[in-house]
Amino acid sequence: MNSLDLHGIRHSEVKVILDQFLWDNMQKKVKEISVITGHSEYMKNIVKECIYDYNMTYQEEYLNPGKLIIKLV
């Protein structure tokens, strides 16, 4: 599974980086990716807003709420 780690990324840069990561994986016809947000609720909300724009769904990884599993289809 392709993964994007957002540790060390400024909140203001997340949307651009995530948009590019989502686009790249959609072009490759990947069905599922993971995004490591850490435990920051603010970071999670930025990611959630971005994936809602694409009508995608997510779930927190079992036993690791700092990692979101996103369905691209």
Protein backbone atom coordinates (compact mmCIF):
# COMPACT_ATOMS: atom_id res chain seq x y z
CA MET A 1 0.00 0.00 0.00
CA ASN A 2 1.33 3.43 -0.94
CA SER A 3 1.78 5.70 2.04
CA LEU A 4 2.26 9.42 2.66
CA ASP A 5 3.85 10.48 5.95
CA LEU A 6 2.88 14.04 6.93
CA HIS A 7 5.20 14.25 9.95
CA GLY A 8 7.26 17.42 9.60
CA ILE A 9 5.00 18.92 6.92
CA ARG A 10 3.54 22.36 7.67
CA HIS A 11 -0.24 22.45 7.91
CA SER A 12 -0.32 25.09 5.19
CA GLU A 13 1.48 22.72 2.77
CA VAL A 14 -0.58 19.59 3.40
CA LYS A 15 -3.40 20.18 0.90
CA VAL A 16 -1.03 20.67 -2.06
CA ILE A 17 1.09 17.64 -1.14
CA LEU A 18 -1.94 15.44 -0.49
CA ASP A 19 -3.68 16.54 -3.71
CA GLN A 20 -0.60 15.53 -5.71
CA PHE A 21 -0.31 12.19 -3.86
CA LEU A 22 -3.99 11.42 -4.46
CA TRP A 23 -3.76 12.37 -8.14
CA ASP A 24 -0.63 10.25 -8.70
CA ASN A 25 -2.27 7.21 -7.11
CA MET A 26 -5.56 7.67 -8.95
CA GLN A 27 -3.65 7.75 -12.24
CA LYS A 28 -2.00 4.45 -11.27
CA LYS A 29 -5.46 3.03 -10.47
CA VAL A 30 -4.47 2.33 -6.86
CA LYS A 31 -7.51 1.38 -4.79
CA GLU A 32 -6.28 2.22 -1.30
CA ILE A 33 -3.57 4.38 0.27
CA SER A 34 -2.53 5.33 3.77
CA VAL A 35 -1.78 8.78 5.15
CA ILE A 36 0.14 9.10 8.38
CA THR A 37 -1.13 12.16 10.20
CA GLY A 38 0.13 11.53 13.70
CA HIS A 39 -2.30 12.28 16.49
CA SER A 40 -2.94 15.91 15.53
CA GLU A 41 -6.69 16.42 15.11
CA TYR A 42 -5.97 19.55 13.07
CA MET A 43 -3.84 17.54 10.61
CA LYS A 44 -6.52 14.83 10.39
CA ASN A 45 -9.16 17.46 9.64
CA ILE A 46 -7.10 18.92 6.80
CA VAL A 47 -6.76 15.44 5.26
CA LYS A 48 -10.46 14.70 5.75
CA GLU A 49 -11.48 17.97 4.06
CA CYS A 50 -9.27 17.16 1.09
CA ILE A 51 -10.58 13.62 0.59
CA TYR A 52 -14.19 14.79 0.94
CA ASP A 53 -13.53 17.07 -2.05
CA TYR A 54 -12.79 13.87 -4.00
CA ASN A 55 -15.77 11.96 -2.52
CA MET A 56 -13.43 9.41 -0.96
CA THR A 57 -13.90 7.53 2.29
CA TYR A 58 -11.42 6.78 5.04
CA GLN A 59 -11.03 4.87 8.25
CA GLU A 60 -8.49 5.06 11.03
CA GLU A 61 -6.15 2.10 11.09
CA TYR A 62 -7.03 -0.36 13.81
CA LEU A 63 -4.81 0.25 16.85
CA ASN A 64 -3.18 3.28 15.14
CA PRO A 65 -5.45 6.34 15.08
CA GLY A 66 -2.56 8.39 13.64
CA LYS A 67 -2.89 6.62 10.29
CA LEU A 68 -5.82 7.00 7.90
CA ILE A 69 -6.64 4.38 5.28
CA ILE A 70 -8.26 6.07 2.26
CA LYS A 71 -10.30 4.30 -0.41
CA LEU A 72 -9.69 5.87 -3.82
CA VAL A 73 -12.61 4.17 -5.59
